[in-house]
Protein backbone atom coordinates (compact mmCIF):
# COMPACT_ATOMS: atom_id res chain seq x y z
CA UNK A 1 24.33 60.18 74.75
CA UNK A 2 26.29 59.10 77.75
CA UNK A 3 29.59 60.98 78.03
CA UNK A 4 31.34 57.82 79.33
CA UNK A 5 30.65 56.16 75.98
CA UNK A 6 32.57 58.90 74.13
CA UNK A 7 35.45 58.64 76.57
CA UNK A 8 35.70 54.93 75.74
CA UNK A 9 35.07 55.29 71.99
CA UNK A 10 38.78 55.06 71.17
CA UNK A 11 39.03 51.89 73.23
CA UNK A 12 36.10 50.33 71.34
CA UNK A 13 37.65 51.23 68.00
CA UNK A 14 40.99 49.71 69.01
CA UNK A 15 39.23 46.57 70.27
CA UNK A 16 37.34 46.21 66.97
CA UNK A 17 40.53 46.69 64.97
CA UNK A 18 42.37 44.16 67.14
CA UNK A 19 39.59 41.56 66.75
CA UNK A 20 39.55 42.11 62.98
CA UNK A 21 43.33 41.74 62.69
CA UNK A 22 43.29 38.54 64.77
CA UNK A 23 40.45 37.10 62.67
CA UNK A 24 42.28 37.83 59.42
CA UNK A 25 45.54 36.40 60.75
CA UNK A 26 43.71 33.20 61.71
CA UNK A 27 42.16 33.00 58.23
CA UNK A 28 45.54 33.58 56.57
CA UNK A 29 47.14 30.95 58.80
CA UNK A 30 44.45 28.40 57.92
CA UNK A 31 44.87 29.12 54.21
CA UNK A 32 48.64 28.71 54.42
CA UNK A 33 48.64 25.59 56.59
CA UNK A 34 45.67 23.77 55.10
CA UNK A 35 44.99 20.17 55.89
CA UNK A 36 47.46 17.50 54.90
CA UNK A 37 44.87 14.92 53.76
CA UNK A 38 47.51 12.34 52.95
CA UNK A 39 49.53 14.67 50.72
CA UNK A 40 53.22 14.17 51.27
CA UNK A 41 54.91 17.46 50.43
CA UNK A 42 54.19 21.17 50.67
CA UNK A 43 53.91 21.69 46.89
CA UNK A 44 51.18 19.05 46.61
CA UNK A 45 49.43 20.39 49.71
CA UNK A 46 49.23 23.84 48.13
CA UNK A 47 48.07 22.37 44.84
CA UNK A 48 51.18 23.54 43.02
CA UNK A 49 53.15 21.30 40.71
CA UNK A 50 56.74 20.50 41.59
CA UNK A 51 59.12 22.92 39.90
CA UNK A 52 56.59 25.76 39.81
CA UNK A 53 58.00 29.16 40.72
CA UNK A 54 54.86 30.23 42.63
CA UNK A 55 55.19 28.11 45.75
CA UNK A 56 55.39 31.14 48.04
CA UNK A 57 53.26 34.26 48.14
CA UNK A 58 55.25 37.31 46.97
CA UNK A 59 55.89 40.07 49.49
CA UNK A 60 53.91 42.56 47.40
CA UNK A 61 50.85 40.30 47.63
CA UNK A 62 51.16 40.35 51.42
CA UNK A 63 51.53 44.15 51.35
CA UNK A 64 48.38 44.49 49.23
CA UNK A 65 46.52 42.24 51.70
CA UNK A 66 47.63 44.56 54.51
CA UNK A 67 46.32 47.57 52.59
CA UNK A 68 43.00 45.80 52.02
CA UNK A 69 42.85 45.11 55.76
CA UNK A 70 43.67 48.76 56.57
CA UNK A 71 40.87 49.89 54.26
CA UNK A 72 38.52 47.46 55.99
CA UNK A 73 39.49 48.89 59.38
CA UNK A 74 38.89 52.44 58.12
CA UNK A 75 35.37 51.54 56.96
CA UNK A 76 34.62 49.79 60.27
CA UNK A 77 35.89 52.79 62.20
CA UNK A 78 33.81 55.16 60.09
CA UNK A 79 30.71 53.00 60.62
CA UNK A 80 31.25 52.94 64.38
CA UNK A 81 31.88 56.70 64.54
CA UNK A 82 28.68 57.38 62.58
CA UNK A 83 26.72 54.88 64.67
CA UNK A 84 27.65 56.50 67.98
CA UNK A 85 26.95 59.97 66.57
CA UNK A 86 30.56 61.11 66.99
CA UNK A 87 31.04 62.49 63.47
CA UNK A 88 30.69 66.28 63.71
CA UNK A 89 30.25 66.94 60.00
CA UNK A 90 27.06 64.96 59.44
CA UNK A 91 23.59 66.50 59.43
CA UNK A 92 21.31 65.66 62.34
CA UNK A 93 19.12 63.25 60.36
CA UNK A 94 18.96 59.86 62.11
CA UNK A 95 17.77 57.92 59.01
CA UNK A 96 20.66 59.36 56.96
CA UNK A 97 23.16 58.45 59.68
CA UNK A 98 21.72 54.95 59.91
CA UNK A 99 22.04 54.44 56.17
CA UNK A 100 25.60 55.78 56.14
CA UNK A 101 26.62 53.61 59.09
CA UNK A 102 25.03 50.54 57.48
CA UNK A 103 26.82 51.09 54.18
CA UNK A 104 30.15 51.76 55.91
CA UNK A 105 29.91 48.48 57.81
CA UNK A 106 28.62 46.66 54.70
CA UNK A 107 31.62 47.89 52.68
CA UNK A 108 33.92 46.70 55.46
CA UNK A 109 32.28 43.26 55.37
CA UNK A 110 32.51 43.21 51.57
CA UNK A 111 36.24 44.04 51.67
CA UNK A 112 36.84 41.39 54.32
CA UNK A 113 35.03 38.79 52.20
CA UNK A 114 37.06 39.84 49.16
CA UNK A 115 40.24 39.50 51.21
CA UNK A 116 39.32 35.94 52.15
CA UNK A 117 38.48 34.97 48.56
CA UNK A 118 41.46 36.74 47.03
CA UNK A 119 43.75 34.75 49.33
CA UNK A 120 42.28 31.67 47.67
CA UNK A 121 43.12 33.20 44.26
CA UNK A 122 39.52 33.60 43.23
CA UNK A 123 39.38 35.30 39.83
CA UNK A 124 36.07 37.06 40.48
CA UNK A 125 37.29 38.36 43.86
CA UNK A 126 40.42 39.71 42.17
CA UNK A 127 38.44 41.73 39.63
CA UNK A 128 35.89 42.90 42.24
CA UNK A 129 38.68 44.03 44.58
CA UNK A 130 40.49 45.88 41.82
CA UNK A 131 37.25 47.54 40.69
CA UNK A 132 36.31 48.51 44.26
CA UNK A 133 39.65 50.22 44.88
CA UNK A 134 39.70 52.01 41.54
CA UNK A 135 36.13 53.28 41.99
CA UNK A 136 36.87 54.41 45.56
CA UNK A 137 40.01 56.21 44.35
CA UNK A 138 38.01 57.96 41.62
CA UNK A 139 35.37 59.00 44.14
CA UNK A 140 38.10 60.45 46.38
CA UNK A 141 39.49 62.43 43.44
CA UNK A 142 36.10 63.94 42.57
CA UNK A 143 35.30 64.84 46.18
CA UNK A 144 36.33 68.10 47.83
CA UNK A 145 39.96 67.14 48.21
CA UNK A 146 41.16 67.51 51.78
CA UNK A 147 43.74 65.69 53.87
CA UNK A 148 41.44 62.74 54.56
CA UNK A 149 40.64 62.42 50.85
CA UNK A 150 44.35 62.35 49.99
CA UNK A 151 44.93 59.62 52.59
CA UNK A 152 42.01 57.58 51.24
CA UNK A 153 43.28 58.11 47.70
CA UNK A 154 46.74 56.83 48.61
CA UNK A 155 45.28 53.89 50.55
CA UNK A 156 43.28 52.93 47.44
CA UNK A 157 45.90 53.55 44.76
CA UNK A 158 48.64 51.48 46.42
CA UNK A 159 46.65 48.20 46.58
CA UNK A 160 45.30 48.86 43.06
CA UNK A 161 48.84 49.14 41.68
CA UNK A 162 49.98 46.09 43.65
CA UNK A 163 46.98 44.04 42.49
CA UNK A 164 47.76 44.91 38.87
CA UNK A 165 51.47 44.21 39.38
CA UNK A 166 50.81 40.76 40.87
CA UNK A 167 47.91 39.80 38.60
CA UNK A 168 49.75 36.70 37.35
CA UNK A 169 49.91 35.38 40.93
CA UNK A 170 46.21 36.02 41.56
CA UNK A 171 44.98 34.74 38.22
CA UNK A 172 47.20 31.69 37.90
CA UNK A 173 45.13 28.58 37.48
CA UNK A 174 45.72 26.18 40.32
CA UNK A 175 46.80 22.85 38.84
CA UNK A 176 44.81 19.84 39.93
CA UNK A 177 46.58 17.05 41.80
CA UNK A 178 46.13 13.81 39.96
CA UNK A 179 45.00 10.92 42.13
CA UNK A 180 46.94 7.71 41.78
């Protein structure tokens, strides 16, 4: 491999993380703003009845979204590190590295898709996200526990707890706006 590539690896990782954060912020902004489509007030635009106490997203929901995004960035970073052969602990088997890199990037894409759907309060996305984080936390527990495993465990337990705490917000049925 070219030694210049490894010198710039950190820059590529930061660029990928920056692009991912910008993309998610744009998606979140579009979900919050939405189109007006002739609807007169914010409650109707969000599909929430007047007088409902769920007009705004709770802070803990935003925090769990940030943790999902951080997990996504970790999987992308791992996939890139494996792809460029910069992970020192892997065996020198190119097919194995290719499979690991593919699955790391696929998990990152899966988490990003779940983030998009969970922002829309999709019931299936909620349960899939919760399952994914609980399974990943269990896998981290049953691995040889080192510092990186503890970090991954914490980064998976926190959004799991927050998802369970805010389940009423995620699973609330969105009332339909009656047309006049």
